[in-house]
Every structure is written in C-alpha cells, then in structure tokens.
Amino acid sequence: MASKTAKTAQEILMDDFQTLVNDTERLLEHTATLAGDQADELRDQIHQSLLRARETLQLTQDSLTERGKAAVTATEDYVQANPWQSVGIAAGVGFLIGLLATRR
C-alpha cells in the first residue's frame, strides 16, 4: 500500500513538474508578443503550477519521512527482539562483503 501511494505521489509530482516546464516554455515563447493582461494571466498560471508542484513535493517528502521512521522503528524492534539473529546476519553480511572486497 505504501509503495502504491509513493508511486502515485511520484506520478503526480512528475506531472506537476512537466506542466511547470510546459508553462515556462510557453511563457518564454510568448514573452515578446504578449502584453498586459495576457502576460499576467500566463504568469499566474505558471505561479499556480509552481505552487502545486511545491505542495506535491512537500507531501512526498512527508510521506518518505514517515516511511523512513517506520522502517527504523521496525528494524530497532526486530534487533531488540532477536539480538543474536541480528548479530549473525550482520556477521554474515560483513563476511560476504569481505570476500567480495578481497576478490577484486
């Protein structure tokens, strides 16, 4: 479920940034020809796109922070509940890394 939420948030973020880029490109193309109200309207659209992108980025950051904290808590709980297994796993991983490092 968290993976689905993160993927959806990532897709929304990418869409918002794509919209922002497209709006910015339109602004650059029309800067020379637009005057007055048209320029103000286009700037407002770009500003709104930027605000949506920032909000989505903040939501994604918050989601990732929460997931990171949950992972740390789960790891700490596992290590406290199974200290010898954790030591064995860490020793095994260290051994494998040592073997791979000496092969090169």
PDB file of N, CA and C in Angstrom:
ATOM      1  N   MET A   1       0.828  -1.194   0.000  1.00  0.00           N
ATOM      2  CA  MET A   1       0.000   0.000   0.000  1.00  0.00           C
ATOM      3  C   MET A   1       0.868   1.251   0.000  1.00  0.00           C
ATOM      4  N   ALA A   2       1.925   1.263   0.847  1.00  0.00           N
ATOM      5  CA  ALA A   2       2.797   2.424   0.896  1.00  0.00           C
ATOM      6  C   ALA A   2       3.517   2.604  -0.435  1.00  0.00           C
ATOM      7  N   SER A   3       3.874   1.487  -1.064  1.00  0.00           N
ATOM      8  CA  SER A   3       4.534   1.561  -2.362  1.00  0.00           C
ATOM      9  C   SER A   3       3.605   2.152  -3.409  1.00  0.00           C
ATOM     10  N   LYS A   4       2.327   1.776  -3.360  1.00  0.00           N
ATOM     11  CA  LYS A   4       1.338   2.304  -4.305  1.00  0.00           C
ATOM     12  C   LYS A   4       1.157   3.802  -4.093  1.00  0.00           C
ATOM     13  N   THR A   5       1.097   4.215  -2.826  1.00  0.00           N
ATOM     14  CA  THR A   5       0.946   5.638  -2.504  1.00  0.00           C
ATOM     15  C   THR A   5       2.169   6.421  -2.967  1.00  0.00           C
ATOM     16  N   ALA A   6       3.356   5.868  -2.735  1.00  0.00           N
ATOM     17  CA  ALA A   6       4.580   6.548  -3.159  1.00  0.00           C
ATOM     18  C   ALA A   6       4.637   6.653  -4.678  1.00  0.00           C
ATOM     19  N   LYS A   7       4.222   5.591  -5.377  1.00  0.00           N
ATOM     20  CA  LYS A   7       4.233   5.625  -6.837  1.00  0.00           C
ATOM     21  C   LYS A   7       3.247   6.663  -7.356  1.00  0.00           C
ATOM     22  N   THR A   8       2.057   6.722  -6.752  1.00  0.00           N
ATOM     23  CA  THR A   8       1.069   7.710  -7.159  1.00  0.00           C
ATOM     24  C   THR A   8       1.591   9.119  -6.905  1.00  0.00           C
ATOM     25  N   ALA A   9       2.204   9.339  -5.753  1.00  0.00           N
ATOM     26  CA  ALA A   9       2.753  10.652  -5.430  1.00  0.00           C
ATOM     27  C   ALA A   9       3.860  11.021  -6.410  1.00  0.00           C
ATOM     28  N   GLN A  10       4.669  10.046  -6.787  1.00  0.00           N
ATOM     29  CA  GLN A  10       5.738  10.301  -7.739  1.00  0.00           C
ATOM     30  C   GLN A  10       5.165  10.668  -9.106  1.00  0.00           C
ATOM     31  N   GLU A  11       4.118   9.969  -9.529  1.00  0.00           N
ATOM     32  CA  GLU A  11       3.490  10.283 -10.808  1.00  0.00           C
ATOM     33  C   GLU A  11       2.876  11.680 -10.794  1.00  0.00           C
ATOM     34  N   ILE A  12       2.223  12.037  -9.698  1.00  0.00           N
ATOM     35  CA  ILE A  12       1.632  13.376  -9.575  1.00  0.00           C
ATOM     36  C   ILE A  12       2.722  14.430  -9.625  1.00  0.00           C
ATOM     37  N   LEU A  13       3.819  14.171  -8.912  1.00  0.00           N
ATOM     38  CA  LEU A  13       4.928  15.113  -8.889  1.00  0.00           C
ATOM     39  C   LEU A  13       5.519  15.303 -10.285  1.00  0.00           C
ATOM     40  N   MET A  14       5.711  14.205 -10.994  1.00  0.00           N
ATOM     41  CA  MET A  14       6.257  14.301 -12.344  1.00  0.00           C
ATOM     42  C   MET A  14       5.305  15.057 -13.271  1.00  0.00           C
ATOM     43  N   ASP A  15       4.002  14.806 -13.150  1.00  0.00           N
ATOM     44  CA  ASP A  15       3.021  15.534 -13.963  1.00  0.00           C
ATOM     45  C   ASP A  15       3.051  17.021 -13.661  1.00  0.00           C
ATOM     46  N   ASP A  16       3.135  17.370 -12.373  1.00  0.00           N
ATOM     47  CA  ASP A  16       3.181  18.784 -12.000  1.00  0.00           C
ATOM     48  C   ASP A  16       4.434  19.462 -12.537  1.00  0.00           C
ATOM     49  N   PHE A  17       5.571  18.791 -12.463  1.00  0.00           N
ATOM     50  CA  PHE A  17       6.796  19.382 -12.987  1.00  0.00           C
ATOM     51  C   PHE A  17       6.762  19.476 -14.510  1.00  0.00           C
ATOM     52  N   GLN A  18       6.141  18.507 -15.167  1.00  0.00           N
ATOM     53  CA  GLN A  18       6.002  18.584 -16.618  1.00  0.00           C
ATOM     54  C   GLN A  18       5.120  19.771 -17.003  1.00  0.00           C
ATOM     55  N   THR A  19       4.035  19.972 -16.262  1.00  0.00           N
ATOM     56  CA  THR A  19       3.160  21.116 -16.508  1.00  0.00           C
ATOM     57  C   THR A  19       3.919  22.418 -16.283  1.00  0.00           C
ATOM     58  N   LEU A  20       4.718  22.460 -15.226  1.00  0.00           N
ATOM     59  CA  LEU A  20       5.512  23.645 -14.933  1.00  0.00           C
ATOM     60  C   LEU A  20       6.485  23.945 -16.069  1.00  0.00           C
ATOM     61  N   VAL A  21       7.140  22.931 -16.557  1.00  0.00           N
ATOM     62  CA  VAL A  21       8.084  23.112 -17.662  1.00  0.00           C
ATOM     63  C   VAL A  21       7.353  23.600 -18.916  1.00  0.00           C
ATOM     64  N   ASN A  22       6.216  22.980 -19.219  1.00  0.00           N
ATOM     65  CA  ASN A  22       5.451  23.403 -20.400  1.00  0.00           C
ATOM     66  C   ASN A  22       4.991  24.851 -20.277  1.00  0.00           C
ATOM     67  N   ASP A  23       4.501  25.230 -19.108  1.00  0.00           N
ATOM     68  CA  ASP A  23       4.057  26.612 -18.903  1.00  0.00           C
ATOM     69  C   ASP A  23       5.221  27.588 -19.023  1.00  0.00           C
ATOM     70  N   THR A  24       6.361  27.213 -18.503  1.00  0.00           N
ATOM     71  CA  THR A  24       7.542  28.075 -18.595  1.00  0.00           C
ATOM     72  C   THR A  24       7.978  28.234 -20.045  1.00  0.00           C
ATOM     73  N   GLU A  25       7.938  27.146 -20.795  1.00  0.00           N
ATOM     74  CA  GLU A  25       8.285  27.234 -22.214  1.00  0.00           C
ATOM     75  C   GLU A  25       7.317  28.142 -22.964  1.00  0.00           C
ATOM     76  N   ARG A  26       6.024  28.032 -22.655  1.00  0.00           N
ATOM     77  CA  ARG A  26       5.052  28.923 -23.299  1.00  0.00           C
ATOM     78  C   ARG A  26       5.319  30.371 -22.942  1.00  0.00           C
ATOM     79  N   LEU A  27       5.672  30.620 -21.690  1.00  0.00           N
ATOM     80  CA  LEU A  27       5.972  31.992 -21.273  1.00  0.00           C
ATOM     81  C   LEU A  27       7.161  32.532 -22.048  1.00  0.00           C
ATOM     82  N   LEU A  28       8.185  31.740 -22.186  1.00  0.00           N
ATOM     83  CA  LEU A  28       9.358  32.194 -22.917  1.00  0.00           C
ATOM     84  C   LEU A  28       9.042  32.452 -24.391  1.00  0.00           C
ATOM     85  N   GLU A  29       8.205  31.615 -24.989  1.00  0.00           N
ATOM     86  CA  GLU A  29       7.848  31.796 -26.392  1.00  0.00           C
ATOM     87  C   GLU A  29       6.999  33.037 -26.623  1.00  0.00           C
ATOM     88  N   HIS A  30       6.154  33.340 -25.668  1.00  0.00           N
ATOM     89  CA  HIS A  30       5.206  34.441 -25.862  1.00  0.00           C
ATOM     90  C   HIS A  30       5.622  35.748 -25.187  1.00  0.00           C
ATOM     91  N   THR A  31       6.744  35.769 -24.540  1.00  0.00           N
ATOM     92  CA  THR A  31       7.160  36.963 -23.812  1.00  0.00           C
ATOM     93  C   THR A  31       7.267  38.172 -24.737  1.00  0.00           C
ATOM     94  N   ALA A  32       7.779  37.947 -25.905  1.00  0.00           N
ATOM     95  CA  ALA A  32       7.984  39.072 -26.827  1.00  0.00           C
ATOM     96  C   ALA A  32       6.670  39.609 -27.380  1.00  0.00           C
ATOM     97  N   THR A  33       5.654  38.729 -27.506  1.00  0.00           N
ATOM     98  CA  THR A  33       4.432  39.162 -28.168  1.00  0.00           C
ATOM     99  C   THR A  33       3.307  39.510 -27.206  1.00  0.00           C
ATOM    100  N   LEU A  34       3.374  39.029 -25.991  1.00  0.00           N
ATOM    101  CA  LEU A  34       2.290  39.280 -25.041  1.00  0.00           C
ATOM    102  C   LEU A  34       2.514  40.577 -24.277  1.00  0.00           C
ATOM    103  N   ALA A  35       1.414  41.215 -23.994  1.00  0.00           N
ATOM    104  CA  ALA A  35       1.493  42.439 -23.217  1.00  0.00           C
ATOM    105  C   ALA A  35       0.285  42.513 -22.305  1.00  0.00           C
ATOM    106  N   GLY A  36       0.446  43.187 -21.211  1.00  0.00           N
ATOM    107  CA  GLY A  36      -0.666  43.464 -20.320  1.00  0.00           C
ATOM    108  C   GLY A  36      -1.298  42.239 -19.688  1.00  0.00           C
ATOM    109  N   ASP A  37      -2.623  42.100 -19.895  1.00  0.00           N
ATOM    110  CA  ASP A  37      -3.407  41.065 -19.232  1.00  0.00           C
ATOM    111  C   ASP A  37      -2.986  39.655 -19.626  1.00  0.00           C
ATOM    112  N   GLN A  38      -2.637  39.461 -20.890  1.00  0.00           N
ATOM    113  CA  GLN A  38      -2.236  38.121 -21.331  1.00  0.00           C
ATOM    114  C   GLN A  38      -0.975  37.652 -20.600  1.00  0.00           C
ATOM    115  N   ALA A  39      -0.015  38.519 -20.459  1.00  0.00           N
ATOM    116  CA  ALA A  39       1.223  38.175 -19.763  1.00  0.00           C
ATOM    117  C   ALA A  39       0.948  37.896 -18.285  1.00  0.00           C
ATOM    118  N   ASP A  40       0.092  38.708 -17.689  1.00  0.00           N
ATOM    119  CA  ASP A  40      -0.253  38.500 -16.281  1.00  0.00           C
ATOM    120  C   ASP A  40      -0.960  37.164 -16.078  1.00  0.00           C
ATOM    121  N   GLU A  41      -1.855  36.815 -16.997  1.00  0.00           N
ATOM    122  CA  GLU A  41      -2.584  35.544 -16.890  1.00  0.00           C
ATOM    123  C   GLU A  41      -1.624  34.363 -17.009  1.00  0.00           C
ATOM    124  N   LEU A  42      -0.698  34.438 -17.945  1.00  0.00           N
ATOM    125  CA  LEU A  42       0.257  33.358 -18.129  1.00  0.00           C
ATOM    126  C   LEU A  42       1.180  33.238 -16.917  1.00  0.00           C
ATOM    127  N   ARG A  43       1.627  34.360 -16.374  1.00  0.00           N
ATOM    128  CA  ARG A  43       2.457  34.336 -15.165  1.00  0.00           C
ATOM    129  C   ARG A  43       1.690  33.730 -13.995  1.00  0.00           C
ATOM    130  N   ASP A  44       0.400  34.034 -13.886  1.00  0.00           N
ATOM    131  CA  ASP A  44      -0.422  33.477 -12.817  1.00  0.00           C
ATOM    132  C   ASP A  44      -0.561  31.966 -12.969  1.00  0.00           C
ATOM    133  N   GLN A  45      -0.739  31.488 -14.200  1.00  0.00           N
ATOM    134  CA  GLN A  45      -0.827  30.042 -14.437  1.00  0.00           C
ATOM    135  C   GLN A  45       0.476  29.353 -14.042  1.00  0.00           C
ATOM    136  N   ILE A  46       1.594  29.954 -14.388  1.00  0.00           N
ATOM    137  CA  ILE A  46       2.898  29.378 -14.026  1.00  0.00           C
ATOM    138  C   ILE A  46       3.076  29.379 -12.510  1.00  0.00           C
ATOM    139  N   HIS A  47       2.666  30.461 -11.867  1.00  0.00           N
ATOM    140  CA  HIS A  47       2.760  30.548 -10.410  1.00  0.00           C
ATOM    141  C   HIS A  47       1.919  29.455  -9.751  1.00  0.00           C
ATOM    142  N   GLN A  48       0.704  29.242 -10.247  1.00  0.00           N
ATOM    143  CA  GLN A  48      -0.162  28.198  -9.692  1.00  0.00           C
ATOM    144  C   GLN A  48       0.448  26.805  -9.903  1.00  0.00           C
ATOM    145  N   SER A  49       1.029  26.566 -11.058  1.00  0.00           N
ATOM    146  CA  SER A  49       1.684  25.283 -11.324  1.00  0.00           C
ATOM    147  C   SER A  49       2.858  25.065 -10.382  1.00  0.00           C
ATOM    148  N   LEU A  50       3.614  26.111 -10.140  1.00  0.00           N
ATOM    149  CA  LEU A  50       4.747  26.014  -9.221  1.00  0.00           C
ATOM    150  C   LEU A  50       4.272  25.727  -7.801  1.00  0.00           C
ATOM    151  N   LEU A  51       3.197  26.363  -7.372  1.00  0.00           N
ATOM    152  CA  LEU A  51       2.662  26.101  -6.031  1.00  0.00           C
ATOM    153  C   LEU A  51       2.193  24.656  -5.896  1.00  0.00           C
ATOM    154  N   ARG A  52       1.510  24.131  -6.922  1.00  0.00           N
ATOM    155  CA  ARG A  52       1.059  22.732  -6.884  1.00  0.00           C
ATOM    156  C   ARG A  52       2.253  21.783  -6.819  1.00  0.00           C
ATOM    157  N   ALA A  53       3.292  22.086  -7.590  1.00  0.00           N
ATOM    158  CA  ALA A  53       4.485  21.235  -7.588  1.00  0.00           C
ATOM    159  C   ALA A  53       5.160  21.260  -6.219  1.00  0.00           C
ATOM    160  N   ARG A  54       5.239  22.423  -5.613  1.00  0.00           N
ATOM    161  CA  ARG A  54       5.841  22.521  -4.275  1.00  0.00           C
ATOM    162  C   ARG A  54       5.022  21.762  -3.238  1.00  0.00           C
ATOM    163  N   GLU A  55       3.697  21.869  -3.309  1.00  0.00           N
ATOM    164  CA  GLU A  55       2.841  21.152  -2.370  1.00  0.00           C
ATOM    165  C   GLU A  55       3.009  19.643  -2.521  1.00  0.00           C
ATOM    166  N   THR A  56       3.042  19.187  -3.756  1.00  0.00           N
ATOM    167  CA  THR A  56       3.210  17.756  -4.012  1.00  0.00           C
ATOM    168  C   THR A  56       4.576  17.280  -3.532  1.00  0.00           C
ATOM    169  N   LEU A  57       5.594  18.090  -3.758  1.00  0.00           N
ATOM    170  CA  LEU A  57       6.937  17.749  -3.287  1.00  0.00           C
ATOM    171  C   LEU A  57       6.966  17.658  -1.764  1.00  0.00           C
ATOM    172  N   GLN A  58       6.300  18.578  -1.084  1.00  0.00           N
ATOM    173  CA  GLN A  58       6.242  18.550   0.383  1.00  0.00           C
ATOM    174  C   GLN A  58       5.504  17.303   0.868  1.00  0.00           C
ATOM    175  N   LEU A  59       4.395  16.942   0.213  1.00  0.00           N
ATOM    176  CA  LEU A  59       3.659  15.739   0.596  1.00  0.00           C
ATOM    177  C   LEU A  59       4.507  14.484   0.393  1.00  0.00           C
ATOM    178  N   THR A  60       5.234  14.446  -0.707  1.00  0.00           N
ATOM    179  CA  THR A  60       6.103  13.306  -0.981  1.00  0.00           C
ATOM    180  C   THR A  60       7.209  13.222   0.062  1.00  0.00           C
ATOM    181  N   GLN A  61       7.790  14.356   0.408  1.00  0.00           N
ATOM    182  CA  GLN A  61       8.837  14.379   1.423  1.00  0.00           C
ATOM    183  C   GLN A  61       8.291  13.900   2.762  1.00  0.00           C
ATOM    184  N   ASP A  62       7.107  14.365   3.136  1.00  0.00           N
ATOM    185  CA  ASP A  62       6.495  13.941   4.394  1.00  0.00           C
ATOM    186  C   ASP A  62       6.227  12.447   4.402  1.00  0.00           C
ATOM    187  N   SER A  63       5.735  11.932   3.283  1.00  0.00           N
ATOM    188  CA  SER A  63       5.453  10.501   3.168  1.00  0.00           C
ATOM    189  C   SER A  63       6.725   9.678   3.309  1.00  0.00           C
ATOM    190  N   LEU A  64       7.777  10.104   2.636  1.00  0.00           N
ATOM    191  CA  LEU A  64       9.041   9.379   2.712  1.00  0.00           C
ATOM    192  C   LEU A  64       9.644   9.458   4.114  1.00  0.00           C
ATOM    193  N   THR A  65       9.490  10.582   4.769  1.00  0.00           N
ATOM    194  CA  THR A  65       9.989  10.719   6.139  1.00  0.00           C
ATOM    195  C   THR A  65       9.262   9.764   7.068  1.00  0.00           C
ATOM    196  N   GLU A  66       7.940   9.703   6.932  1.00  0.00           N
ATOM    197  CA  GLU A  66       7.163   8.790   7.770  1.00  0.00           C
ATOM    198  C   GLU A  66       7.545   7.338   7.508  1.00  0.00           C
ATOM    199  N   ARG A  67       7.710   6.977   6.246  1.00  0.00           N
ATOM    200  CA  ARG A  67       8.090   5.602   5.910  1.00  0.00           C
ATOM    201  C   ARG A  67       9.477   5.279   6.434  1.00  0.00           C
ATOM    202  N   GLY A  68      10.386   6.242   6.366  1.00  0.00           N
ATOM    203  CA  GLY A  68      11.738   6.042   6.893  1.00  0.00           C
ATOM    204  C   GLY A  68      11.721   5.823   8.396  1.00  0.00           C
ATOM    205  N   LYS A  69      10.937   6.623   9.096  1.00  0.00           N
ATOM    206  CA  LYS A  69      10.822   6.459  10.550  1.00  0.00           C
ATOM    207  C   LYS A  69      10.214   5.105  10.893  1.00  0.00           C
ATOM    208  N   ALA A  70       9.212   4.681  10.125  1.00  0.00           N
ATOM    209  CA  ALA A  70       8.591   3.378  10.365  1.00  0.00           C
ATOM    210  C   ALA A  70       9.593   2.256  10.136  1.00  0.00           C
ATOM    211  N   ALA A  71      10.432   2.386   9.110  1.00  0.00           N
ATOM    212  CA  ALA A  71      11.445   1.368   8.836  1.00  0.00           C
ATOM    213  C   ALA A  71      12.480   1.301   9.953  1.00  0.00           C
ATOM    214  N   VAL A  72      12.888   2.454  10.451  1.00  0.00           N
ATOM    215  CA  VAL A  72      13.851   2.483  11.556  1.00  0.00           C
ATOM    216  C   VAL A  72      13.245   1.839  12.803  1.00  0.00           C
ATOM    217  N   THR A  73      12.008   2.173  13.082  1.00  0.00           N
ATOM    218  CA  THR A  73      11.334   1.596  14.251  1.00  0.00           C
ATOM    219  C   THR A  73      11.204   0.083  14.109  1.00  0.00           C
ATOM    220  N   ALA A  74      10.816  -0.381  12.932  1.00  0.00           N
ATOM    221  CA  ALA A  74      10.675  -1.816  12.701  1.00  0.00           C
ATOM    222  C   ALA A  74      12.019  -2.524  12.844  1.00  0.00           C
ATOM    223  N   THR A  75      13.075  -1.919  12.334  1.00  0.00           N
ATOM    224  CA  THR A  75      14.413  -2.502  12.452  1.00  0.00           C
ATOM    225  C   THR A  75      14.852  -2.562  13.907  1.00  0.00           C
ATOM    226  N   GLU A  76      14.641  -1.476  14.636  1.00  0.00           N
ATOM    227  CA  GLU A  76      15.008  -1.462  16.052  1.00  0.00           C
ATOM    228  C   GLU A  76      14.234  -2.514  16.833  1.00  0.00           C
ATOM    229  N   ASP A  77      12.940  -2.645  16.537  1.00  0.00           N
ATOM    230  CA  ASP A  77      12.126  -3.655  17.222  1.00  0.00           C
ATOM    231  C   ASP A  77      12.635  -5.057  16.920  1.00  0.00           C
ATOM    232  N   TYR A  78      12.985  -5.316  15.673  1.00  0.00           N
ATOM    233  CA  TYR A  78      13.477  -6.632  15.288  1.00  0.00           C
ATOM    234  C   TYR A  78      14.796  -6.941  15.986  1.00  0.00           C
ATOM    235  N   VAL A  79      15.700  -5.969  15.990  1.00  0.00           N
ATOM    236  CA  VAL A  79      17.007  -6.180  16.619  1.00  0.00           C
ATOM    237  C   VAL A  79      16.851  -6.420  18.118  1.00  0.00           C
ATOM    238  N   GLN A  80      15.968  -5.677  18.751  1.00  0.00           N
ATOM    239  CA  GLN A  80      15.755  -5.866  20.189  1.00  0.00           C
ATOM    240  C   GLN A  80      15.091  -7.207  20.487  1.00  0.00           C
ATOM    241  N   ALA A  81      14.200  -7.652  19.596  1.00  0.00           N
ATOM    242  CA  ALA A  81      13.512  -8.925  19.818  1.00  0.00           C
ATOM    243  C   ALA A  81      14.398 -10.113  19.463  1.00  0.00           C
ATOM    244  N   ASN A  82      15.312  -9.937  18.525  1.00  0.00           N
ATOM    245  CA  ASN A  82      16.163 -11.030  18.042  1.00  0.00           C
ATOM    246  C   ASN A  82      17.625 -10.586  17.993  1.00  0.00           C
ATOM    247  N   PRO A  83      18.252 -10.334  19.131  1.00  0.00           N
ATOM    248  CA  PRO A  83      19.610  -9.786  19.092  1.00  0.00           C
ATOM    249  C   PRO A  83      20.634 -10.749  18.489  1.00  0.00           C
ATOM    250  N   TRP A  84      20.532 -12.039  18.775  1.00  0.00           N
ATOM    251  CA  TRP A  84      21.531 -12.979  18.261  1.00  0.00           C
ATOM    252  C   TRP A  84      21.365 -13.190  16.763  1.00  0.00           C
ATOM    253  N   GLN A  85      20.154 -13.218  16.292  1.00  0.00           N
ATOM    254  CA  GLN A  85      19.945 -13.324  14.844  1.00  0.00           C
ATOM    255  C   GLN A  85      20.494 -12.085  14.137  1.00  0.00           C
ATOM    256  N   SER A  86      20.292 -10.941  14.751  1.00  0.00           N
ATOM    257  CA  SER A  86      20.791  -9.695  14.163  1.00  0.00           C
ATOM    258  C   SER A  86      22.307  -9.700  14.094  1.00  0.00           C
ATOM    259  N   VAL A  87      22.948 -10.182  15.156  1.00  0.00           N
ATOM    260  CA  VAL A  87      24.414 -10.267  15.160  1.00  0.00           C
ATOM    261  C   VAL A  87      24.880 -11.241  14.085  1.00  0.00           C
ATOM    262  N   GLY A  88      24.187 -12.371  13.963  1.00  0.00           N
ATOM    263  CA  GLY A  88      24.542 -13.364  12.944  1.00  0.00           C
ATOM    264  C   GLY A  88      24.381 -12.815  11.540  1.00  0.00           C
ATOM    265  N   ILE A  89      23.290 -12.111  11.301  1.00  0.00           N
ATOM    266  CA  ILE A  89      23.058 -11.515   9.980  1.00  0.00           C
ATOM    267  C   ILE A  89      24.129 -10.479   9.672  1.00  0.00           C
ATOM    268  N   ALA A  90      24.442  -9.631  10.641  1.00  0.00           N
ATOM    269  CA  ALA A  90      25.469  -8.610  10.438  1.00  0.00           C
ATOM    270  C   ALA A  90      26.825  -9.253  10.172  1.00  0.00           C
ATOM    271  N   ALA A  91      27.148 -10.326  10.902  1.00  0.00           N
ATOM    272  CA  ALA A  91      28.425 -11.015  10.685  1.00  0.00           C
ATOM    273  C   ALA A  91      28.459 -11.648   9.297  1.00  0.00           C
ATOM    274  N   GLY A  92      27.354 -12.249   8.885  1.00  0.00           N
ATOM    275  CA  GLY A  92      27.294 -12.860   7.558  1.00  0.00           C
ATOM    276  C   GLY A  92      27.451 -11.841   6.453  1.00  0.00           C
ATOM    277  N   VAL A  93      26.773 -10.725   6.579  1.00  0.00           N
ATOM    278  CA  VAL A  93      26.883  -9.661   5.573  1.00  0.00           C
ATOM    279  C   VAL A  93      28.307  -9.123   5.543  1.00  0.00           C
ATOM    280  N   GLY A  94      28.903  -8.917   6.715  1.00  0.00           N
ATOM    281  CA  GLY A  94      30.289  -8.450   6.776  1.00  0.00           C
ATOM    282  C   GLY A  94      31.249  -9.433   6.137  1.00  0.00           C
ATOM    283  N   PHE A  95      31.013 -10.718   6.376  1.00  0.00           N
ATOM    284  CA  PHE A  95      31.851 -11.761   5.778  1.00  0.00           C
ATOM    285  C   PHE A  95      31.754 -11.732   4.262  1.00  0.00           C
ATOM    286  N   LEU A  96      30.519 -11.633   3.741  1.00  0.00           N
ATOM    287  CA  LEU A  96      30.322 -11.581   2.288  1.00  0.00           C
ATOM    288  C   LEU A  96      30.967 -10.349   1.669  1.00  0.00           C
ATOM    289  N   ILE A  97      30.832  -9.239   2.321  1.00  0.00           N
ATOM    290  CA  ILE A  97      31.470  -8.012   1.813  1.00  0.00           C
ATOM    291  C   ILE A  97      32.979  -8.160   1.819  1.00  0.00           C
ATOM    292  N   GLY A  98      33.511  -8.791   2.882  1.00  0.00           N
ATOM    293  CA  GLY A  98      34.948  -9.043   2.945  1.00  0.00           C
ATOM    294  C   GLY A  98      35.425  -9.939   1.811  1.00  0.00           C
ATOM    295  N   LEU A  99      34.640 -11.000   1.516  1.00  0.00           N
ATOM    296  CA  LEU A  99      35.005 -11.884   0.415  1.00  0.00           C
ATOM    297  C   LEU A  99      34.994 -11.154  -0.915  1.00  0.00           C
ATOM    298  N   LEU A 100      33.956 -10.349  -1.131  1.00  0.00           N
ATOM    299  CA  LEU A 100      33.866  -9.616  -2.386  1.00  0.00           C
ATOM    300  C   LEU A 100      34.985  -8.573  -2.504  1.00  0.00           C
ATOM    301  N   ALA A 101      35.340  -7.965  -1.409  1.00  0.00           N
ATOM    302  CA  ALA A 101      36.385  -6.939  -1.436  1.00  0.00           C
ATOM    303  C   ALA A 101      37.754  -7.540  -1.729  1.00  0.00           C
ATOM    304  N   THR A 102      38.026  -8.748  -1.221  1.00  0.00           N
ATOM    305  CA  THR A 102      39.327  -9.352  -1.449  1.00  0.00           C
ATOM    306  C   THR A 102      39.446  -9.956  -2.833  1.00  0.00           C
ATOM    307  N   ARG A 103      38.363 -10.227  -3.513  1.00  0.00           N
ATOM    308  CA  ARG A 103      38.398 -10.786  -4.856  1.00  0.00           C
ATOM    309  C   ARG A 103      38.855  -9.775  -5.879  1.00  0.00           C
ATOM    310  N   ARG A 104      38.682  -8.551  -5.646  1.00  0.00           N
ATOM    311  CA  ARG A 104      38.980  -7.519  -6.657  1.00  0.00           C
ATOM    312  C   ARG A 104      40.394  -7.161  -6.597  1.00  0.00           C
TER     313      ARG A 104
END
